[in-house]
Amino acid sequence: MLKVGLTGGIGAGKSEVSRLLVEHGAVLIDADRIAREVVAPGTPGLAAVVDAFGPEILTEDGSLDRPRLGSVVFADPEKLALLNSIVHPLVGARSRELESAASAGSVVLHDVPLLTENGLAPLYDLVVVVDASPGTQLDRLVRLRGMTEDDARARMAAQASREQRREIADIVIDNDVPLDALRKRVTEVWAELTRRAREQG
């Protein structure tokens, strides 16, 4: 099994690369999706978050009010650390569960947005970084996600720099290119990943 960490800045096109690698046969473990699952209604994770932050962080139907919780934790580093101390171990445990269910020769793709920021590169056999220029990122966030330019710039500035991400990369996928060129590059990367998975046995 080859454990691959996949990351990239907001708007770099990581989701598209992840989708293409899954089409080739990668087993995807999506940290963001798991982070939502572990605080779904009825879970011990949600109960722990409510214990820590109070019932006002719930919507009327009993699910997590993400915007409200976000406004609480992103304004206070201690509260953010508290939230992370609840959610991160649950995400880690679920990720390990999914990973152990994958077959021996698999390429297991961990989609981790904050891989660089959280110093997680050593957890993986190799790191793939989806890279795009800041201009491309900004255009996608404004045009495709409907963000204001100021909001998009703030989100980009809150993440690791392009240089920091490239420093930890074993493989870089340039996504300042048309989709056809991206598909071709992902196919090349897949060949490399499967070769390494075979070598690991």
Protein backbone atom coordinates (compact mmCIF):
# COMPACT_ATOMS: atom_id res chain seq x y z
CA MET A 1 0.00 0.00 0.00
CA LEU A 2 1.23 3.46 -0.92
CA LYS A 3 0.04 6.30 1.32
CA VAL A 4 -0.14 9.54 -0.65
CA GLY A 5 -0.85 12.96 0.83
CA LEU A 6 -2.62 15.24 -1.67
CA THR A 7 -2.75 18.96 -1.01
CA GLY A 8 -2.93 22.32 -2.73
CA GLY A 9 -4.01 25.88 -2.08
CA ILE A 10 -7.65 26.92 -2.22
CA GLY A 11 -8.74 27.21 -5.85
CA ALA A 12 -5.74 25.24 -7.14
CA GLY A 13 -7.98 22.43 -8.41
CA LYS A 14 -7.15 19.72 -5.86
CA SER A 15 -10.70 18.31 -5.99
CA GLU A 16 -10.45 17.79 -9.76
CA VAL A 17 -7.08 16.02 -9.42
CA SER A 18 -8.47 13.88 -6.62
CA ARG A 19 -11.49 12.94 -8.78
CA LEU A 20 -9.23 11.98 -11.71
CA LEU A 21 -6.98 9.84 -9.49
CA VAL A 22 -10.04 8.04 -8.09
CA GLU A 23 -11.13 7.35 -11.70
CA HIS A 24 -7.74 5.66 -12.19
CA GLY A 25 -8.31 3.51 -9.09
CA ALA A 26 -7.00 5.43 -6.07
CA VAL A 27 -8.72 4.82 -2.72
CA LEU A 28 -9.75 8.28 -1.50
CA ILE A 29 -9.74 9.34 2.16
CA ASP A 30 -11.09 12.89 2.27
CA ALA A 31 -10.25 14.66 5.55
CA ASP A 32 -12.87 17.39 5.05
CA ARG A 33 -15.64 14.87 4.39
CA ILE A 34 -14.63 12.79 7.44
CA ALA A 35 -14.52 15.96 9.57
CA ARG A 36 -18.19 16.51 8.66
CA GLU A 37 -19.10 12.85 9.30
CA VAL A 38 -17.62 12.74 12.81
CA VAL A 39 -19.83 15.64 13.98
CA ALA A 40 -23.04 14.50 12.24
CA PRO A 41 -26.23 14.43 14.36
CA GLY A 42 -26.21 11.60 16.89
CA THR A 43 -22.42 11.14 16.94
CA PRO A 44 -20.23 11.29 20.06
CA GLY A 45 -18.22 13.94 18.18
CA LEU A 46 -21.17 16.32 17.95
CA ALA A 47 -22.03 15.69 21.62
CA ALA A 48 -18.45 16.62 22.60
CA VAL A 49 -18.57 19.82 20.49
CA VAL A 50 -21.88 20.82 22.12
CA ASP A 51 -20.39 20.14 25.58
CA ALA A 52 -17.49 22.43 24.74
CA PHE A 53 -19.32 25.26 22.96
CA GLY A 54 -22.94 25.07 24.11
CA PRO A 55 -26.23 24.19 22.38
CA GLU A 56 -26.30 27.54 20.53
CA ILE A 57 -23.93 26.06 17.93
CA LEU A 58 -26.74 23.76 16.74
CA THR A 59 -29.33 24.51 14.08
CA GLU A 60 -33.03 23.95 14.76
CA ASP A 61 -32.84 20.41 13.35
CA GLY A 62 -30.02 19.48 15.73
CA SER A 63 -27.14 19.55 13.23
CA LEU A 64 -23.98 21.61 13.61
CA ASP A 65 -24.35 25.27 12.65
CA ARG A 66 -20.99 25.57 10.91
CA PRO A 67 -21.09 29.31 10.18
CA ARG A 68 -21.96 30.06 13.83
CA LEU A 69 -19.26 27.74 15.18
CA GLY A 70 -16.79 29.21 12.67
CA SER A 71 -17.50 32.75 13.88
CA VAL A 72 -16.78 31.59 17.46
CA VAL A 73 -13.56 29.63 16.86
CA PHE A 74 -11.86 31.64 14.11
CA ALA A 75 -11.92 34.74 16.31
CA ASP A 76 -10.27 32.93 19.24
CA PRO A 77 -7.15 30.74 18.85
CA GLU A 78 -7.82 28.92 22.15
CA LYS A 79 -11.35 27.97 21.08
CA LEU A 80 -10.05 26.83 17.69
CA ALA A 81 -7.45 24.67 19.45
CA LEU A 82 -10.22 23.21 21.64
CA LEU A 83 -12.34 22.36 18.60
CA ASN A 84 -9.35 20.78 16.85
CA SER A 85 -8.55 18.72 19.97
CA ILE A 86 -12.04 17.19 19.69
CA VAL A 87 -12.31 16.73 15.93
CA HIS A 88 -8.75 15.84 14.83
CA PRO A 89 -8.42 12.58 16.84
CA LEU A 90 -11.81 11.43 15.51
CA VAL A 91 -10.79 12.22 11.93
CA GLY A 92 -7.46 10.42 12.46
CA ALA A 93 -9.15 7.31 13.84
CA ARG A 94 -11.70 7.17 10.99
CA SER A 95 -8.95 7.72 8.40
CA ARG A 96 -6.92 4.81 9.82
CA GLU A 97 -10.04 2.62 9.75
CA LEU A 98 -10.63 3.40 6.06
CA GLU A 99 -6.95 2.93 5.25
CA SER A 100 -6.78 -0.49 6.92
CA ALA A 101 -9.75 -1.62 4.80
CA ALA A 102 -7.82 -0.94 1.55
CA SER A 103 -6.14 -3.87 -0.18
CA ALA A 104 -2.37 -4.42 0.02
CA GLY A 105 -1.37 -3.02 -3.39
CA SER A 106 -3.63 0.04 -3.22
CA VAL A 107 -2.72 3.65 -3.74
CA VAL A 108 -4.45 5.34 -0.78
CA LEU A 109 -4.98 9.02 -1.43
CA HIS A 110 -5.37 11.25 1.63
CA ASP A 111 -6.94 14.55 0.53
CA VAL A 112 -5.67 16.96 3.21
CA PRO A 113 -6.16 20.70 2.60
CA LEU A 114 -3.92 21.82 5.52
CA LEU A 115 -1.21 19.18 5.09
CA THR A 116 1.55 21.81 4.75
CA GLU A 117 0.26 24.08 7.52
CA ASN A 118 -0.02 21.22 10.03
CA GLY A 119 3.36 19.65 9.20
CA LEU A 120 1.81 16.32 8.17
CA ALA A 121 4.11 15.40 5.25
CA PRO A 122 6.05 12.77 7.30
CA LEU A 123 2.83 10.74 7.70
CA TYR A 124 2.81 9.82 3.99
CA ASP A 125 5.03 7.81 1.66
CA LEU A 126 4.96 10.75 -0.68
CA VAL A 127 3.22 14.11 -1.09
CA VAL A 128 1.51 15.33 -4.26
CA VAL A 129 0.93 19.08 -4.47
CA VAL A 130 -1.58 20.57 -6.93
CA ASP A 131 -0.10 23.92 -7.87
CA ALA A 132 -1.62 26.94 -9.58
CA SER A 133 -0.53 30.56 -9.78
CA PRO A 134 -2.18 33.00 -7.35
CA GLY A 135 -3.84 34.69 -10.33
CA THR A 136 -5.46 31.40 -11.39
CA GLN A 137 -6.55 30.65 -7.82
CA LEU A 138 -8.11 34.10 -7.43
CA ASP A 139 -9.93 33.83 -10.76
CA ARG A 140 -11.41 30.43 -9.87
CA LEU A 141 -12.54 31.53 -6.40
CA VAL A 142 -14.27 34.65 -7.71
CA ARG A 143 -15.63 33.21 -10.95
CA LEU A 144 -16.51 29.65 -9.91
CA ARG A 145 -17.18 29.92 -6.18
CA GLY A 146 -18.74 33.38 -6.14
CA MET A 147 -16.36 34.84 -3.54
CA THR A 148 -15.58 38.53 -3.42
CA GLU A 149 -12.02 39.33 -4.42
CA ASP A 150 -11.20 40.51 -0.86
CA ASP A 151 -12.60 37.33 0.69
CA ALA A 152 -10.70 35.16 -1.82
CA ARG A 153 -7.44 37.00 -1.13
CA ALA A 154 -7.96 36.65 2.65
CA ARG A 155 -8.57 32.90 2.35
CA MET A 156 -5.46 32.49 0.19
CA ALA A 157 -3.35 34.56 2.60
CA ALA A 158 -4.45 32.40 5.55
CA GLN A 159 -2.91 29.29 3.94
CA ALA A 160 0.69 28.21 3.45
CA SER A 161 2.50 29.96 0.63
CA ARG A 162 2.96 28.39 -2.77
CA GLU A 163 6.69 28.05 -2.02
CA GLN A 164 6.03 26.27 1.30
CA ARG A 165 3.79 23.73 -0.42
CA ARG A 166 6.27 23.10 -3.22
CA GLU A 167 9.06 22.53 -0.65
CA ILE A 168 7.31 19.46 0.79
CA ALA A 169 6.19 18.07 -2.59
CA ASP A 170 7.55 14.82 -4.00
CA ILE A 171 5.39 15.35 -7.09
CA VAL A 172 3.94 18.65 -8.33
CA ILE A 173 0.92 18.75 -10.63
CA ASP A 174 0.74 22.07 -12.45
CA ASN A 175 -2.90 23.11 -12.78
CA ASP A 176 -2.45 26.34 -14.73
CA VAL A 177 -3.37 24.26 -17.77
CA PRO A 178 -6.48 23.20 -19.76
CA LEU A 179 -8.35 20.11 -18.50
CA ASP A 180 -6.97 17.87 -21.27
CA ALA A 181 -3.39 18.69 -20.24
CA LEU A 182 -4.28 18.11 -16.59
CA ARG A 183 -5.76 14.68 -17.42
CA LYS A 184 -2.57 13.72 -19.26
CA ARG A 185 -0.39 14.81 -16.32
CA VAL A 186 -2.59 12.95 -13.80
CA THR A 187 -2.28 9.78 -15.93
CA GLU A 188 1.54 10.11 -15.80
CA VAL A 189 1.43 10.63 -12.04
CA TRP A 190 -0.86 7.62 -11.62
CA ALA A 191 1.66 5.44 -13.47
CA GLU A 192 4.38 6.63 -11.07
CA LEU A 193 2.19 6.02 -7.99
CA THR A 194 1.23 2.48 -9.06
CA ARG A 195 4.88 1.68 -9.81
CA ARG A 196 5.86 2.79 -6.30
CA ALA A 197 2.95 0.85 -4.76
CA ARG A 198 4.15 -2.33 -6.52
CA GLU A 199 7.70 -1.76 -5.27
CA GLN A 200 6.41 -1.46 -1.71
CA GLY A 201 4.51 -4.71 -2.13
